[in-house]
Amino acid sequence: MKIRMSMHSLVFWYLCLVHVSCCFCFTNFAFGDSIVDAGNNNYLPSLSKADYSPYGIDFTPSGGKPTGRYTNGFTIVDIVAQALGAKTLASPSLASNAASNAILGGINYASGASGILEATGTLFVGRIPLRMQIKNFERSRAEMVKTMGENSTRNFLKDAIFSLTIGSNDIITYFLPNLPFVGKDDISPTNLQDTMVSNITLHIKRLHELGARKMVIVDVGPLGCIPFVRAIHLLPEGECHEEMNTLIRGYNEKLRVAVHRLNQEIGMDSIFVYANSYDVINGILQNYGDYGFENVNDPCCGGYFPPFFCFRIGDEKEISSSLCEDRSKYLFWDSYHPGQAANFIIAQQMLNGDESICSPINVRQLHSHKL
């Protein structure tokens, strides 16, 4: 009997062998929103994109060219992957090279403007809600099974880290009730929190059914302090939207309890890590000088007032007139997203933090843990 394999399958199988021979290789399957999107929205008819300068100006793998990441450089998942020995960064799931890079770096399914809830982000047209991100992973998994077989796929996936960084857009949209979503007059804060937790829990369980055994679930940061929210609510410098932050803290606590319950219910074959980004970012806001920042109120790129866009003015050789002089001194890259400097701090806390930041163990411990 003749066995025929496409060049794609041969490459994929070779990478599988390379991965198996290197027990310290790191593979990550990332799900989420624009905080961790690696370029999926580049392939969508979306109003939410970061495929133009000066986005990516400090992203060294691309030579400073935009990749679709919503920051000036590396995202949190990029930094964690590099620290844990990834051979390459995870490719966007919609990119043509995603499958061939899966073994050495993983796949990034995240999409800007997406949310836990299906309707979140409809204003931006094209985006991939969390449910569809997991559907895309199902297709990736099916390709792995075709190439590696079911048992090898399961063994490969049980050592990979699955991360979910999502929920911010659901909450931001809730405080903009005129947008096409369930406004705050239609649903109480408690109901919103419970609906988000219920939905993300179902998605986590689905990933577990598909073979995920090491999962990191990142909470929502203090969105009431980001430049966009402070600007639209006309808040003075240094003041945050406390109603929003109160709702977020309540959601985060419910999420933490849900993750703890998953660890108890599903048993010894899996670990679910709750990552507390809220306290990390809040700590930076409260003591920004200790972290080397000089400005935690304004975006480095783009205006503080509408339309908030971050873009280059002039030709490619010119620096935008809306770009700050020292990007490392600003917490926020644009009106919504942290800059690379902040991402490094957050990533280091996820990697090495104690149980107040990551519980029951941190991401570095999760990576080395044998199931």
Protein backbone atom coordinates (compact mmCIF):
# COMPACT_ATOMS: atom_id res chain seq x y z
CA MET A 1 0.00 0.00 0.00
CA LYS A 2 1.37 3.39 -0.97
CA ILE A 3 1.22 6.17 1.60
CA ARG A 4 0.81 9.61 0.14
CA MET A 5 1.44 12.74 2.18
CA SER A 6 1.26 16.33 1.04
CA MET A 7 4.24 18.60 1.57
CA HIS A 8 2.18 20.40 4.24
CA SER A 9 1.65 17.12 6.11
CA LEU A 10 5.33 16.21 5.83
CA VAL A 11 6.38 19.54 7.27
CA PHE A 12 3.81 19.23 10.05
CA TRP A 13 4.95 15.69 10.91
CA TYR A 14 8.62 16.74 10.94
CA LEU A 15 7.82 19.56 13.34
CA CYS A 16 5.98 17.09 15.55
CA LEU A 17 9.14 14.99 15.81
CA VAL A 18 11.21 18.07 16.59
CA HIS A 19 8.77 19.05 19.33
CA VAL A 20 8.78 15.59 20.89
CA SER A 21 12.58 15.58 20.96
CA CYS A 22 12.64 18.85 22.89
CA CYS A 23 10.90 18.57 26.23
CA PHE A 24 11.45 22.25 27.00
CA CYS A 25 9.63 23.53 23.90
CA PHE A 26 6.68 25.80 24.63
CA THR A 27 3.41 25.72 22.71
CA ASN A 28 0.58 28.14 23.37
CA PHE A 29 -2.96 28.30 22.07
CA ALA A 30 -4.17 31.82 22.78
CA PHE A 31 -7.79 32.99 22.81
CA GLY A 32 -8.95 36.50 23.53
CA ASP A 33 -9.44 40.04 22.31
CA SER A 34 -7.19 42.86 21.09
CA ILE A 35 -4.94 42.63 24.15
CA VAL A 36 -3.46 39.44 22.68
CA ASP A 37 -4.56 39.49 19.00
CA ALA A 38 -1.52 38.70 16.82
CA GLY A 39 -3.13 39.77 13.55
CA ASN A 40 -6.35 37.82 12.97
CA ASN A 41 -8.34 40.98 12.32
CA ASN A 42 -6.02 41.73 9.38
CA TYR A 43 -7.94 39.02 7.54
CA LEU A 44 -11.41 40.31 8.42
CA PRO A 45 -13.62 43.12 7.07
CA SER A 46 -13.34 44.82 10.45
CA LEU A 47 -13.33 48.39 11.70
CA SER A 48 -11.01 47.20 14.48
CA LYS A 49 -7.53 46.78 13.02
CA ALA A 50 -3.93 47.53 13.95
CA ASP A 51 -2.32 46.81 10.59
CA TYR A 52 -0.86 50.28 10.04
CA SER A 53 1.99 52.34 11.44
CA PRO A 54 3.00 53.18 14.09
CA TYR A 55 1.53 49.97 15.55
CA GLY A 56 4.39 47.49 15.84
CA ILE A 57 7.07 50.17 15.79
CA ASP A 58 9.02 48.28 18.51
CA PHE A 59 8.17 44.76 17.35
CA THR A 60 11.65 43.52 16.43
CA PRO A 61 10.67 40.33 14.52
CA SER A 62 8.93 42.46 11.88
CA GLY A 63 11.56 45.18 11.82
CA GLY A 64 9.11 47.65 13.34
CA LYS A 65 6.40 47.06 10.77
CA PRO A 66 2.77 46.55 11.86
CA THR A 67 1.62 42.94 12.29
CA GLY A 68 -1.89 43.49 13.60
CA ARG A 69 -0.87 43.59 17.26
CA TYR A 70 -2.65 46.41 19.09
CA THR A 71 0.47 47.76 20.74
CA ASN A 72 3.90 49.12 19.87
CA GLY A 73 5.73 45.82 20.38
CA PHE A 74 5.23 42.44 21.99
CA THR A 75 1.95 41.33 23.58
CA ILE A 76 1.74 39.55 26.92
CA VAL A 77 1.43 36.11 25.30
CA ASP A 78 4.44 36.87 23.08
CA ILE A 79 6.59 37.71 26.10
CA VAL A 80 5.47 34.66 28.08
CA ALA A 81 6.15 32.41 25.09
CA GLN A 82 9.67 33.77 24.62
CA ALA A 83 10.43 33.41 28.33
CA LEU A 84 9.35 29.76 28.28
CA GLY A 85 11.37 28.79 25.23
CA ALA A 86 8.99 28.98 22.27
CA LYS A 87 10.83 28.39 19.01
CA THR A 88 8.57 30.89 17.27
CA LEU A 89 5.65 33.11 18.23
CA ALA A 90 2.15 31.76 17.68
CA SER A 91 0.77 32.65 14.25
CA PRO A 92 -2.71 34.14 13.79
CA SER A 93 -5.18 31.32 13.17
CA LEU A 94 -6.33 32.92 9.92
CA ALA A 95 -2.78 33.15 8.51
CA SER A 96 -1.74 30.65 5.85
CA ASN A 97 1.24 29.45 7.94
CA ALA A 98 -0.73 28.85 11.15
CA ALA A 99 -0.89 25.05 10.87
CA SER A 100 2.77 24.60 9.98
CA ASN A 101 3.86 26.78 12.92
CA ALA A 102 1.52 25.14 15.42
CA ILE A 103 3.98 22.63 16.85
CA LEU A 104 6.84 25.04 17.50
CA GLY A 105 4.86 28.04 18.68
CA GLY A 106 1.16 27.33 18.78
CA ILE A 107 -1.73 29.23 17.23
CA ASN A 108 -3.28 32.55 18.23
CA TYR A 109 -7.07 32.66 17.81
CA ALA A 110 -7.64 36.05 19.47
CA SER A 111 -9.56 38.80 17.70
CA GLY A 112 -9.80 42.51 18.37
CA ALA A 113 -13.28 43.80 19.43
CA SER A 114 -14.41 40.29 20.39
CA GLY A 115 -15.99 39.26 23.63
CA ILE A 116 -17.23 36.39 25.72
CA LEU A 117 -20.76 37.25 24.65
CA GLU A 118 -21.69 36.71 21.02
CA ALA A 119 -23.11 40.18 20.38
CA THR A 120 -20.13 42.08 21.73
CA GLY A 121 -18.27 44.02 19.05
CA THR A 122 -21.00 44.08 16.39
CA LEU A 123 -20.31 47.79 15.91
CA PHE A 124 -16.91 46.86 14.46
CA VAL A 125 -18.46 44.35 12.01
CA GLY A 126 -15.74 41.71 11.55
CA ARG A 127 -14.46 40.02 14.71
CA ILE A 128 -14.30 36.46 16.05
CA PRO A 129 -16.29 35.92 19.27
CA LEU A 130 -14.88 33.44 21.77
CA ARG A 131 -17.27 30.70 20.67
CA MET A 132 -16.01 30.94 17.08
CA GLN A 133 -12.39 31.09 18.24
CA ILE A 134 -12.90 27.70 19.86
CA LYS A 135 -14.61 26.43 16.70
CA ASN A 136 -11.47 27.47 14.82
CA PHE A 137 -9.38 25.51 17.31
CA GLU A 138 -11.59 22.48 16.68
CA ARG A 139 -10.66 22.69 13.00
CA SER A 140 -6.97 22.99 13.89
CA ARG A 141 -7.27 19.96 16.13
CA ALA A 142 -8.93 17.96 13.37
CA GLU A 143 -5.94 18.71 11.13
CA MET A 144 -3.57 17.53 13.85
CA VAL A 145 -5.50 14.28 14.19
CA LYS A 146 -5.29 13.70 10.43
CA THR A 147 -1.52 14.07 10.58
CA MET A 148 -0.56 12.74 14.02
CA GLY A 149 -3.43 10.48 15.03
CA GLU A 150 -5.73 10.91 18.02
CA ASN A 151 -3.36 9.63 20.72
CA SER A 152 -0.40 11.74 19.62
CA THR A 153 -2.64 14.79 19.35
CA ARG A 154 -3.92 14.28 22.89
CA ASN A 155 -0.38 13.86 24.22
CA PHE A 156 0.74 17.00 22.41
CA LEU A 157 -2.18 19.12 23.63
CA LYS A 158 -1.89 18.06 27.28
CA ASP A 159 1.52 19.75 27.51
CA ALA A 160 0.48 22.93 25.67
CA ILE A 161 -0.73 26.01 27.52
CA PHE A 162 -4.15 27.40 26.62
CA SER A 163 -4.75 31.03 27.59
CA LEU A 164 -7.98 33.04 27.60
CA THR A 165 -7.67 36.82 27.83
CA ILE A 166 -11.13 38.21 27.18
CA GLY A 167 -14.03 40.09 28.76
CA SER A 168 -12.93 43.72 28.48
CA ASN A 169 -15.10 44.52 25.46
CA ASP A 170 -18.18 43.00 27.07
CA ILE A 171 -17.82 45.43 29.98
CA ILE A 172 -16.82 48.50 27.97
CA THR A 173 -19.84 47.96 25.70
CA TYR A 174 -22.13 47.60 28.69
CA PHE A 175 -21.28 51.17 29.67
CA LEU A 176 -22.09 52.40 26.15
CA PRO A 177 -25.81 51.50 26.09
CA ASN A 178 -26.52 53.27 22.80
CA LEU A 179 -24.51 50.66 20.94
CA PRO A 180 -26.19 47.51 19.49
CA PHE A 181 -25.90 45.40 22.64
CA VAL A 182 -27.84 44.83 25.84
CA GLY A 183 -27.43 48.22 27.51
CA LYS A 184 -27.11 48.76 31.21
CA ASP A 185 -30.79 49.65 31.43
CA ASP A 186 -31.70 46.16 30.21
CA ILE A 187 -29.50 44.03 32.42
CA SER A 188 -28.18 44.52 35.93
CA PRO A 189 -24.45 44.48 36.72
CA THR A 190 -24.96 41.23 38.64
CA ASN A 191 -26.68 39.58 35.68
CA LEU A 192 -23.92 40.73 33.33
CA GLN A 193 -21.25 39.29 35.61
CA ASP A 194 -23.10 35.99 35.98
CA THR A 195 -23.76 35.71 32.24
CA MET A 196 -20.11 36.34 31.41
CA VAL A 197 -18.87 33.82 33.98
CA SER A 198 -21.41 31.21 32.89
CA ASN A 199 -20.44 31.59 29.22
CA ILE A 200 -16.68 31.56 29.69
CA THR A 201 -16.99 28.51 31.97
CA LEU A 202 -18.81 26.63 29.22
CA HIS A 203 -16.07 27.56 26.75
CA ILE A 204 -13.35 26.44 29.17
CA LYS A 205 -15.10 23.09 29.59
CA ARG A 206 -15.34 22.74 25.81
CA LEU A 207 -11.59 23.30 25.48
CA HIS A 208 -11.06 20.63 28.12
CA GLU A 209 -13.20 18.22 26.11
CA LEU A 210 -10.97 18.96 23.12
CA GLY A 211 -7.81 18.08 25.05
CA ALA A 212 -6.70 21.25 26.87
CA ARG A 213 -5.18 20.34 30.21
CA LYS A 214 -3.18 23.43 31.19
CA MET A 215 -5.29 26.59 31.06
CA VAL A 216 -4.66 30.18 32.11
CA ILE A 217 -7.75 32.35 32.52
CA VAL A 218 -6.88 36.04 32.76
CA ASP A 219 -9.29 38.38 34.52
CA VAL A 220 -10.28 41.89 33.38
CA GLY A 221 -8.08 44.84 34.29
CA PRO A 222 -9.18 48.24 35.69
CA LEU A 223 -10.80 49.48 32.48
CA GLY A 224 -12.22 52.47 34.31
CA CYS A 225 -8.70 53.92 34.22
CA ILE A 226 -7.92 53.55 30.52
CA PRO A 227 -7.73 56.83 28.53
CA PHE A 228 -10.76 56.02 26.33
CA VAL A 229 -13.11 55.43 29.26
CA ARG A 230 -11.82 58.41 31.22
CA ALA A 231 -12.21 60.68 28.19
CA ILE A 232 -15.76 59.73 27.20
CA HIS A 233 -16.87 60.18 30.81
CA LEU A 234 -15.00 63.51 31.09
CA LEU A 235 -13.03 62.40 34.13
CA PRO A 236 -10.19 64.62 35.38
CA GLU A 237 -6.56 63.48 35.34
CA GLY A 238 -5.87 60.73 37.86
CA GLU A 239 -9.53 59.83 38.35
CA CYS A 240 -11.02 56.52 37.19
CA HIS A 241 -14.56 55.36 36.44
CA GLU A 242 -15.28 53.70 39.76
CA GLU A 243 -18.66 52.24 38.79
CA MET A 244 -16.97 50.32 35.97
CA ASN A 245 -14.09 49.18 38.15
CA THR A 246 -16.50 48.03 40.86
CA LEU A 247 -18.37 45.90 38.33
CA ILE A 248 -15.06 44.47 37.10
CA ARG A 249 -13.90 43.57 40.59
CA GLY A 250 -17.18 41.75 41.18
CA TYR A 251 -16.84 39.87 37.90
CA ASN A 252 -13.23 38.96 38.63
CA GLU A 253 -14.13 37.52 42.03
CA LYS A 254 -16.87 35.39 40.48
CA LEU A 255 -14.46 34.26 37.78
CA ARG A 256 -11.85 33.34 40.40
CA VAL A 257 -14.41 31.21 42.26
CA ALA A 258 -15.48 29.53 39.00
CA VAL A 259 -11.87 28.67 38.11
CA HIS A 260 -11.29 27.27 41.60
CA ARG A 261 -14.43 25.16 41.22
CA LEU A 262 -13.17 23.77 37.91
CA ASN A 263 -9.98 22.63 39.62
CA GLN A 264 -12.06 20.81 42.21
CA GLU A 265 -14.61 19.28 39.83
CA ILE A 266 -12.51 18.13 36.89
CA GLY A 267 -9.85 16.41 38.95
CA MET A 268 -6.19 15.60 38.76
CA ASP A 269 -5.77 15.50 34.97
CA SER A 270 -5.92 19.31 34.51
CA ILE A 271 -4.88 22.61 36.05
CA PHE A 272 -6.81 25.85 35.62
CA VAL A 273 -4.86 28.97 36.60
CA TYR A 274 -6.61 32.21 37.52
CA ALA A 275 -4.41 35.18 36.55
CA ASN A 276 -5.02 38.43 38.42
CA SER A 277 -4.11 41.17 35.94
CA TYR A 278 -6.34 43.70 37.73
CA ASP A 279 -4.08 44.01 40.77
CA VAL A 280 -0.93 44.05 38.63
CA ILE A 281 -2.16 46.98 36.53
CA ASN A 282 -3.69 48.74 39.52
CA GLY A 283 -0.33 48.45 41.29
CA ILE A 284 1.35 50.15 38.35
CA LEU A 285 -1.25 52.92 38.39
CA GLN A 286 -0.77 53.52 42.11
CA ASN A 287 3.06 53.39 42.09
CA TYR A 288 3.99 54.07 38.48
CA GLY A 289 7.30 55.72 39.31
CA ASP A 290 8.55 52.49 40.88
CA TYR A 291 8.05 50.78 37.51
CA GLY A 292 9.80 53.45 35.48
CA PHE A 293 6.70 55.15 34.10
CA GLU A 294 6.15 58.88 33.96
CA ASN A 295 2.64 58.99 32.48
CA VAL A 296 -0.26 56.67 33.31
CA ASN A 297 -3.05 58.99 32.18
CA ASP A 298 -2.47 59.71 28.50
CA PRO A 299 -1.93 57.41 25.52
CA CYS A 300 1.51 57.48 23.93
CA CYS A 301 -0.11 57.37 20.48
CA GLY A 302 -3.34 59.10 19.53
CA GLY A 303 -5.40 61.76 21.19
CA TYR A 304 -7.00 61.85 24.59
CA PHE A 305 -10.17 63.19 22.99
CA PRO A 306 -12.25 61.75 20.10
CA PRO A 307 -11.62 60.17 17.67
CA PHE A 308 -8.78 58.63 19.77
CA PHE A 309 -7.08 57.15 16.69
CA CYS A 310 -3.43 56.22 16.75
CA PHE A 311 -1.95 56.71 13.28
CA ARG A 312 1.12 58.08 11.54
CA ILE A 313 0.94 61.54 10.05
CA GLY A 314 3.08 61.98 6.97
CA ASP A 315 5.19 59.40 5.14
CA GLU A 316 6.71 56.23 6.59
CA LYS A 317 9.95 57.99 7.56
CA GLU A 318 8.23 60.55 9.74
CA ILE A 319 7.23 60.03 13.33
CA SER A 320 3.58 60.81 13.97
CA SER A 321 2.92 64.13 15.61
CA SER A 322 0.61 62.23 17.97
CA LEU A 323 3.36 59.85 19.14
CA CYS A 324 5.08 60.41 22.49
CA GLU A 325 8.85 60.88 22.63
CA ASP A 326 9.68 57.97 24.97
CA ARG A 327 7.33 55.01 24.59
CA SER A 328 8.85 53.21 27.58
CA LYS A 329 7.61 55.94 29.94
CA TYR A 330 3.91 55.54 29.09
CA LEU A 331 1.68 52.85 30.57
CA PHE A 332 -0.78 53.10 27.68
CA TRP A 333 0.20 52.74 24.04
CA ASP A 334 -3.12 53.99 22.67
CA SER A 335 -6.42 54.91 24.29
CA TYR A 336 -7.31 51.27 24.94
CA HIS A 337 -4.19 49.10 25.18
CA PRO A 338 -1.06 48.88 27.34
CA GLY A 339 2.32 49.46 25.73
CA GLN A 340 5.11 46.93 25.44
CA ALA A 341 6.76 48.18 28.63
CA ALA A 342 3.60 47.46 30.62
CA ASN A 343 3.14 44.13 28.87
CA PHE A 344 6.59 43.04 30.05
CA ILE A 345 5.66 43.82 33.66
CA ILE A 346 2.33 42.00 33.43
CA ALA A 347 3.94 39.00 31.73
CA GLN A 348 6.66 38.74 34.38
CA GLN A 349 4.02 38.73 37.09
CA MET A 350 2.10 35.98 35.30
CA LEU A 351 5.30 33.97 34.93
CA ASN A 352 6.69 34.36 38.43
CA GLY A 353 3.97 35.82 40.65
CA ASP A 354 2.81 34.34 43.93
CA GLU A 355 -0.71 33.05 44.65
CA SER A 356 -2.08 36.58 44.98
CA ILE A 357 -1.39 36.99 41.24
CA CYS A 358 -1.68 33.45 39.86
CA SER A 359 -3.47 30.63 41.63
CA PRO A 360 -3.04 27.81 42.32
CA ILE A 361 0.36 28.13 40.56
CA ASN A 362 2.02 30.65 38.24
CA VAL A 363 2.51 30.19 34.50
CA ARG A 364 6.16 29.13 34.75
CA GLN A 365 5.18 26.42 37.25
CA LEU A 366 2.25 25.41 35.05
CA HIS A 367 4.57 24.98 32.07
CA SER A 368 6.92 22.64 33.96
CA HIS A 369 4.15 20.74 35.76
CA LYS A 370 3.77 17.12 34.69
CA LEU A 371 0.24 15.78 34.42
